PDB file of N, CA and C in Angstrom:
ATOM      1  N   UNK A   1      14.173  -4.011  -3.848  1.00  0.00           N
ATOM      2  CA  UNK A   1      13.727  -3.024  -2.879  1.00  0.00           C
ATOM      3  C   UNK A   1      12.834  -1.984  -3.550  1.00  0.00           C
ATOM      4  N   UNK A   2      13.178  -1.622  -4.778  1.00  0.00           N
ATOM      5  CA  UNK A   2      12.374  -0.643  -5.498  1.00  0.00           C
ATOM      6  C   UNK A   2      10.930  -1.120  -5.664  1.00  0.00           C
ATOM      7  N   UNK A   3      10.754  -2.387  -6.026  1.00  0.00           N
ATOM      8  CA  UNK A   3       9.402  -2.928  -6.183  1.00  0.00           C
ATOM      9  C   UNK A   3       8.649  -2.925  -4.856  1.00  0.00           C
ATOM     10  N   UNK A   4       9.337  -3.270  -3.789  1.00  0.00           N
ATOM     11  CA  UNK A   4       8.699  -3.272  -2.463  1.00  0.00           C
ATOM     12  C   UNK A   4       8.211  -1.864  -2.116  1.00  0.00           C
ATOM     13  N   UNK A   5       9.043  -0.857  -2.354  1.00  0.00           N
ATOM     14  CA  UNK A   5       8.645   0.519  -2.051  1.00  0.00           C
ATOM     15  C   UNK A   5       7.495   0.976  -2.950  1.00  0.00           C
ATOM     16  N   UNK A   6       7.490   0.545  -4.203  1.00  0.00           N
ATOM     17  CA  UNK A   6       6.366   0.878  -5.087  1.00  0.00           C
ATOM     18  C   UNK A   6       5.081   0.272  -4.550  1.00  0.00           C
ATOM     19  N   UNK A   7       5.146  -0.975  -4.101  1.00  0.00           N
ATOM     20  CA  UNK A   7       3.962  -1.640  -3.563  1.00  0.00           C
ATOM     21  C   UNK A   7       3.484  -0.978  -2.277  1.00  0.00           C
ATOM     22  N   UNK A   8       4.391  -0.357  -1.535  1.00  0.00           N
ATOM     23  CA  UNK A   8       4.029   0.297  -0.268  1.00  0.00           C
ATOM     24  C   UNK A   8       3.205   1.560  -0.491  1.00  0.00           C
ATOM     25  N   UNK A   9       3.394   2.208  -1.630  1.00  0.00           N
ATOM     26  CA  UNK A   9       2.697   3.479  -1.846  1.00  0.00           C
ATOM     27  C   UNK A   9       3.157   4.507  -0.828  1.00  0.00           C
ATOM     28  N   UNK A  10       2.217   5.182  -0.201  1.00  0.00           N
ATOM     29  CA  UNK A  10       2.546   6.207   0.792  1.00  0.00           C
ATOM     30  C   UNK A  10       2.705   5.661   2.206  1.00  0.00           C
ATOM     31  N   UNK A  11       2.414   4.384   2.399  1.00  0.00           N
ATOM     32  CA  UNK A  11       2.484   3.774   3.728  1.00  0.00           C
ATOM     33  C   UNK A  11       3.856   3.128   3.925  1.00  0.00           C
ATOM     34  N   UNK A  12       4.800   3.894   4.482  1.00  0.00           N
ATOM     35  CA  UNK A  12       6.168   3.410   4.649  1.00  0.00           C
ATOM     36  C   UNK A  12       6.459   2.937   6.075  1.00  0.00           C
ATOM     37  N   UNK A  13       5.424   2.516   6.779  1.00  0.00           N
ATOM     38  CA  UNK A  13       5.654   1.935   8.097  1.00  0.00           C
ATOM     39  C   UNK A  13       6.354   0.589   7.938  1.00  0.00           C
ATOM     40  N   UNK A  14       7.140   0.207   8.937  1.00  0.00           N
ATOM     41  CA  UNK A  14       7.876  -1.056   8.903  1.00  0.00           C
ATOM     42  C   UNK A  14       6.945  -2.234   8.625  1.00  0.00           C
ATOM     43  N   UNK A  15       5.800  -2.236   9.272  1.00  0.00           N
ATOM     44  CA  UNK A  15       4.834  -3.328   9.112  1.00  0.00           C
ATOM     45  C   UNK A  15       4.433  -3.502   7.642  1.00  0.00           C
ATOM     46  N   UNK A  16       4.157  -2.401   6.959  1.00  0.00           N
ATOM     47  CA  UNK A  16       3.750  -2.481   5.562  1.00  0.00           C
ATOM     48  C   UNK A  16       4.919  -2.866   4.651  1.00  0.00           C
ATOM     49  N   UNK A  17       6.106  -2.371   4.944  1.00  0.00           N
ATOM     50  CA  UNK A  17       7.286  -2.739   4.146  1.00  0.00           C
ATOM     51  C   UNK A  17       7.508  -4.247   4.231  1.00  0.00           C
ATOM     52  N   UNK A  18       7.429  -4.812   5.431  1.00  0.00           N
ATOM     53  CA  UNK A  18       7.607  -6.254   5.595  1.00  0.00           C
ATOM     54  C   UNK A  18       6.496  -7.029   4.888  1.00  0.00           C
ATOM     55  N   UNK A  19       5.267  -6.523   4.959  1.00  0.00           N
ATOM     56  CA  UNK A  19       4.146  -7.181   4.287  1.00  0.00           C
ATOM     57  C   UNK A  19       4.368  -7.200   2.775  1.00  0.00           C
ATOM     58  N   UNK A  20       4.804  -6.094   2.213  1.00  0.00           N
ATOM     59  CA  UNK A  20       5.024  -6.018   0.770  1.00  0.00           C
ATOM     60  C   UNK A  20       6.229  -6.862   0.338  1.00  0.00           C
ATOM     61  N   UNK A  21       7.266  -6.912   1.165  1.00  0.00           N
ATOM     62  CA  UNK A  21       8.441  -7.737   0.854  1.00  0.00           C
ATOM     63  C   UNK A  21       8.072  -9.217   0.836  1.00  0.00           C
ATOM     64  N   UNK A  22       7.045  -9.582   1.578  1.00  0.00           N
ATOM     65  CA  UNK A  22       6.587 -10.976   1.623  1.00  0.00           C
ATOM     66  C   UNK A  22       5.480 -11.241   0.608  1.00  0.00           C
ATOM     67  N   UNK A  23       5.291 -10.331  -0.325  1.00  0.00           N
ATOM     68  CA  UNK A  23       4.251 -10.496  -1.348  1.00  0.00           C
ATOM     69  C   UNK A  23       4.746 -10.049  -2.721  1.00  0.00           C
ATOM     70  N   UNK A  24       5.861 -10.612  -3.148  1.00  0.00           N
ATOM     71  CA  UNK A  24       6.377 -10.356  -4.490  1.00  0.00           C
ATOM     72  C   UNK A  24       5.955 -11.512  -5.383  1.00  0.00           C
ATOM     73  N   UNK A  25       5.443 -11.197  -6.567  1.00  0.00           N
ATOM     74  CA  UNK A  25       4.921 -12.244  -7.447  1.00  0.00           C
ATOM     75  C   UNK A  25       5.466 -12.075  -8.868  1.00  0.00           C
ATOM     76  N   UNK A  26       6.221 -13.071  -9.324  1.00  0.00           N
ATOM     77  CA  UNK A  26       6.758 -13.121 -10.685  1.00  0.00           C
ATOM     78  C   UNK A  26       7.510 -11.850 -11.078  1.00  0.00           C
ATOM     79  N   UNK A  27       8.303 -11.331 -10.149  1.00  0.00           N
ATOM     80  CA  UNK A  27       9.102 -10.132 -10.411  1.00  0.00           C
ATOM     81  C   UNK A  27      10.349 -10.521 -11.198  1.00  0.00           C
ATOM     82  N   UNK A  28      10.518  -9.944 -12.374  1.00  0.00           N
ATOM     83  CA  UNK A  28      11.707 -10.189 -13.184  1.00  0.00           C
ATOM     84  C   UNK A  28      12.659  -9.015 -13.000  1.00  0.00           C
ATOM     85  N   UNK A  29      13.893  -9.313 -12.625  1.00  0.00           N
ATOM     86  CA  UNK A  29      14.899  -8.295 -12.358  1.00  0.00           C
ATOM     87  C   UNK A  29      15.917  -8.321 -13.500  1.00  0.00           C
ATOM     88  N   UNK A  30      16.221  -7.178 -14.101  1.00  0.00           N
ATOM     89  CA  UNK A  30      17.102  -7.139 -15.270  1.00  0.00           C
ATOM     90  C   UNK A  30      18.491  -7.750 -15.067  1.00  0.00           C
ATOM     91  N   UNK A  31      18.994  -7.765 -13.851  1.00  0.00           N
ATOM     92  CA  UNK A  31      20.334  -8.306 -13.607  1.00  0.00           C
ATOM     93  C   UNK A  31      20.347  -9.821 -13.421  1.00  0.00           C
ATOM     94  N   UNK A  32      19.169 -10.438 -13.430  1.00  0.00           N
ATOM     95  CA  UNK A  32      19.091 -11.889 -13.292  1.00  0.00           C
ATOM     96  C   UNK A  32      18.952 -12.526 -14.671  1.00  0.00           C
ATOM     97  N   UNK A  33      19.152 -13.826 -14.742  1.00  0.00           N
ATOM     98  CA  UNK A  33      19.009 -14.538 -16.001  1.00  0.00           C
ATOM     99  C   UNK A  33      17.578 -14.425 -16.527  1.00  0.00           C
ATOM    100  N   UNK A  34      17.415 -14.389 -17.845  1.00  0.00           N
ATOM    101  CA  UNK A  34      16.073 -14.339 -18.417  1.00  0.00           C
ATOM    102  C   UNK A  34      15.241 -15.551 -17.961  1.00  0.00           C
ATOM    103  N   UNK A  35      14.013 -15.309 -17.589  1.00  0.00           N
ATOM    104  CA  UNK A  35      13.122 -16.382 -17.159  1.00  0.00           C
ATOM    105  C   UNK A  35      13.143 -16.658 -15.672  1.00  0.00           C
ATOM    106  N   UNK A  36      14.108 -16.101 -14.942  1.00  0.00           N
ATOM    107  CA  UNK A  36      14.181 -16.280 -13.489  1.00  0.00           C
ATOM    108  C   UNK A  36      13.309 -15.206 -12.846  1.00  0.00           C
ATOM    109  N   UNK A  37      12.378 -15.627 -11.997  1.00  0.00           N
ATOM    110  CA  UNK A  37      11.440 -14.696 -11.367  1.00  0.00           C
ATOM    111  C   UNK A  37      11.552 -14.766  -9.853  1.00  0.00           C
ATOM    112  N   UNK A  38      11.339 -13.635  -9.229  1.00  0.00           N
ATOM    113  CA  UNK A  38      11.379 -13.522  -7.770  1.00  0.00           C
ATOM    114  C   UNK A  38       9.958 -13.653  -7.236  1.00  0.00           C
ATOM    115  N   UNK A  39       9.780 -14.540  -6.264  1.00  0.00           N
ATOM    116  CA  UNK A  39       8.482 -14.740  -5.618  1.00  0.00           C
ATOM    117  C   UNK A  39       8.700 -14.899  -4.117  1.00  0.00           C
ATOM    118  N   UNK A  40       7.886 -14.194  -3.342  1.00  0.00           N
ATOM    119  CA  UNK A  40       7.877 -14.383  -1.893  1.00  0.00           C
ATOM    120  C   UNK A  40       6.428 -14.495  -1.445  1.00  0.00           C
ATOM    121  N   UNK A  41       6.242 -15.046  -0.264  1.00  0.00           N
ATOM    122  CA  UNK A  41       4.907 -15.131   0.325  1.00  0.00           C
ATOM    123  C   UNK A  41       5.073 -15.066   1.843  1.00  0.00           C
ATOM    124  N   UNK A  42       3.996 -14.854   2.554  1.00  0.00           N
ATOM    125  CA  UNK A  42       4.093 -14.803   4.013  1.00  0.00           C
ATOM    126  C   UNK A  42       4.632 -16.093   4.639  1.00  0.00           C
ATOM    127  N   UNK A  43       4.565 -17.206   3.913  1.00  0.00           N
ATOM    128  CA  UNK A  43       5.063 -18.471   4.444  1.00  0.00           C
ATOM    129  C   UNK A  43       6.362 -18.932   3.791  1.00  0.00           C
ATOM    130  N   UNK A  44       6.851 -18.202   2.800  1.00  0.00           N
ATOM    131  CA  UNK A  44       8.096 -18.580   2.125  1.00  0.00           C
ATOM    132  C   UNK A  44       8.851 -17.318   1.728  1.00  0.00           C
ATOM    133  N   UNK A  45       9.932 -17.037   2.455  1.00  0.00           N
ATOM    134  CA  UNK A  45      10.716 -15.828   2.221  1.00  0.00           C
ATOM    135  C   UNK A  45      11.857 -16.032   1.227  1.00  0.00           C
ATOM    136  N   UNK A  46      12.010 -17.220   0.675  1.00  0.00           N
ATOM    137  CA  UNK A  46      13.092 -17.492  -0.270  1.00  0.00           C
ATOM    138  C   UNK A  46      12.718 -16.918  -1.636  1.00  0.00           C
ATOM    139  N   UNK A  47      13.360 -15.822  -2.051  1.00  0.00           N
ATOM    140  CA  UNK A  47      12.900 -15.139  -3.264  1.00  0.00           C
ATOM    141  C   UNK A  47      13.247 -15.842  -4.571  1.00  0.00           C
ATOM    142  N   UNK A  48      14.334 -16.594  -4.619  1.00  0.00           N
ATOM    143  CA  UNK A  48      14.758 -17.208  -5.875  1.00  0.00           C
ATOM    144  C   UNK A  48      14.638 -18.717  -5.747  1.00  0.00           C
ATOM    145  N   UNK A  49      13.740 -19.295  -6.547  1.00  0.00           N
ATOM    146  CA  UNK A  49      13.495 -20.736  -6.493  1.00  0.00           C
ATOM    147  C   UNK A  49      13.661 -21.374  -7.858  1.00  0.00           C
ATOM    148  N   UNK A  50      14.394 -20.691  -8.740  1.00  0.00           N
ATOM    149  CA  UNK A  50      14.622 -21.202 -10.079  1.00  0.00           C
ATOM    150  C   UNK A  50      16.109 -21.104 -10.398  1.00  0.00           C
ATOM    151  N   UNK A  51      16.526 -21.899 -11.386  1.00  0.00           N
ATOM    152  CA  UNK A  51      17.912 -21.830 -11.828  1.00  0.00           C
ATOM    153  C   UNK A  51      17.997 -22.339 -13.254  1.00  0.00           C
ATOM    154  N   UNK A  52      19.140 -22.121 -13.865  1.00  0.00           N
ATOM    155  CA  UNK A  52      19.382 -22.675 -15.192  1.00  0.00           C
ATOM    156  C   UNK A  52      20.795 -23.215 -15.210  1.00  0.00           C
ATOM    157  N   UNK A  53      20.946 -24.407 -15.756  1.00  0.00           N
ATOM    158  CA  UNK A  53      22.250 -25.048 -15.828  1.00  0.00           C
ATOM    159  C   UNK A  53      23.126 -24.344 -16.855  1.00  0.00           C
ATOM    160  N   UNK A  54      24.441 -24.395 -16.625  1.00  0.00           N
ATOM    161  CA  UNK A  54      25.408 -23.812 -17.547  1.00  0.00           C
ATOM    162  C   UNK A  54      26.649 -24.676 -17.541  1.00  0.00           C
ATOM    163  N   UNK A  55      27.352 -24.667 -18.656  1.00  0.00           N
ATOM    164  CA  UNK A  55      28.617 -25.406 -18.746  1.00  0.00           C
ATOM    165  C   UNK A  55      29.678 -24.474 -19.312  1.00  0.00           C
ATOM    166  N   UNK A  56      30.906 -24.725 -18.914  1.00  0.00           N
ATOM    167  CA  UNK A  56      32.027 -23.909 -19.384  1.00  0.00           C
ATOM    168  C   UNK A  56      32.536 -24.508 -20.682  1.00  0.00           C
ATOM    169  N   UNK A  57      32.582 -23.719 -21.738  1.00  0.00           N
ATOM    170  CA  UNK A  57      33.001 -24.225 -23.044  1.00  0.00           C
ATOM    171  C   UNK A  57      34.474 -23.973 -23.337  1.00  0.00           C
ATOM    172  N   UNK A  58      35.233 -23.636 -22.306  1.00  0.00           N
ATOM    173  CA  UNK A  58      36.655 -23.341 -22.470  1.00  0.00           C
ATOM    174  C   UNK A  58      36.932 -21.850 -22.522  1.00  0.00           C
ATOM    175  N   UNK A  59      35.907 -21.072 -22.809  1.00  0.00           N
ATOM    176  CA  UNK A  59      36.050 -19.618 -22.886  1.00  0.00           C
ATOM    177  C   UNK A  59      35.076 -18.907 -21.960  1.00  0.00           C
ATOM    178  N   UNK A  60      33.815 -19.359 -21.984  1.00  0.00           N
ATOM    179  CA  UNK A  60      32.793 -18.708 -21.173  1.00  0.00           C
ATOM    180  C   UNK A  60      31.725 -19.722 -20.758  1.00  0.00           C
ATOM    181  N   UNK A  61      30.833 -19.281 -19.897  1.00  0.00           N
ATOM    182  CA  UNK A  61      29.734 -20.129 -19.445  1.00  0.00           C
ATOM    183  C   UNK A  61      28.590 -20.036 -20.440  1.00  0.00           C
ATOM    184  N   UNK A  62      28.079 -21.185 -20.848  1.00  0.00           N
ATOM    185  CA  UNK A  62      26.989 -21.259 -21.815  1.00  0.00           C
ATOM    186  C   UNK A  62      25.793 -21.934 -21.150  1.00  0.00           C
ATOM    187  N   UNK A  63      24.655 -21.232 -21.116  1.00  0.00           N
ATOM    188  CA  UNK A  63      23.444 -21.800 -20.524  1.00  0.00           C
ATOM    189  C   UNK A  63      22.861 -22.853 -21.451  1.00  0.00           C
ATOM    190  N   UNK A  64      22.254 -23.883 -20.865  1.00  0.00           N
ATOM    191  CA  UNK A  64      21.578 -24.898 -21.669  1.00  0.00           C
ATOM    192  C   UNK A  64      20.353 -25.404 -20.928  1.00  0.00           C
ATOM    193  N   UNK A  65      19.392 -25.909 -21.685  1.00  0.00           N
ATOM    194  CA  UNK A  65      18.163 -26.414 -21.094  1.00  0.00           C
ATOM    195  C   UNK A  65      17.243 -25.281 -20.665  1.00  0.00           C
ATOM    196  N   UNK A  66      16.117 -25.694 -20.126  1.00  0.00           N
ATOM    197  CA  UNK A  66      15.116 -24.730 -19.669  1.00  0.00           C
ATOM    198  C   UNK A  66      15.407 -24.301 -18.230  1.00  0.00           C
ATOM    199  N   UNK A  67      14.728 -23.243 -17.809  1.00  0.00           N
ATOM    200  CA  UNK A  67      14.800 -22.815 -16.413  1.00  0.00           C
ATOM    201  C   UNK A  67      14.180 -23.925 -15.564  1.00  0.00           C
ATOM    202  N   UNK A  68      14.860 -24.278 -14.481  1.00  0.00           N
ATOM    203  CA  UNK A  68      14.413 -25.338 -13.573  1.00  0.00           C
ATOM    204  C   UNK A  68      13.760 -24.693 -12.365  1.00  0.00           C
ATOM    205  N   UNK A  69      12.570 -25.140 -12.037  1.00  0.00           N
ATOM    206  CA  UNK A  69      11.844 -24.624 -10.881  1.00  0.00           C
ATOM    207  C   UNK A  69      11.941 -25.634  -9.757  1.00  0.00           C
ATOM    208  N   UNK A  70      12.249 -25.146  -8.546  1.00  0.00           N
ATOM    209  CA  UNK A  70      12.379 -26.006  -7.387  1.00  0.00           C
ATOM    210  C   UNK A  70      11.042 -26.497  -6.879  1.00  0.00           C
ATOM    211  N   UNK A  71      11.070 -27.410  -5.950  1.00  0.00           N
ATOM    212  CA  UNK A  71       9.867 -27.985  -5.346  1.00  0.00           C
ATOM    213  C   UNK A  71       9.091 -26.894  -4.599  1.00  0.00           C
ATOM    214  N   UNK A  72       7.798 -27.050  -4.551  1.00  0.00           N
ATOM    215  CA  UNK A  72       6.953 -26.121  -3.809  1.00  0.00           C
ATOM    216  C   UNK A  72       6.500 -24.937  -4.621  1.00  0.00           C
ATOM    217  N   UNK A  73       6.743 -24.942  -5.928  1.00  0.00           N
ATOM    218  CA  UNK A  73       6.317 -23.817  -6.777  1.00  0.00           C
ATOM    219  C   UNK A  73       5.187 -24.205  -7.669  1.00  0.00           C
TER     220      UNK A  73
END
């Protein structure tokens, strides 16, 4: 939401907020896994289209392999 408001600048009308929310490009959020980026467009509102596999080693989850990007990216 912070990025959307930054992109809005001084124009906080609903129309502009929705336009900016539908135009996020390669936004990296600190609470997400490294390499996972948020992207939206006017035709695709699904912000997260990447993932990384993990396995439980008996104590904790351990990530392995590269970040996987879904179809359409």
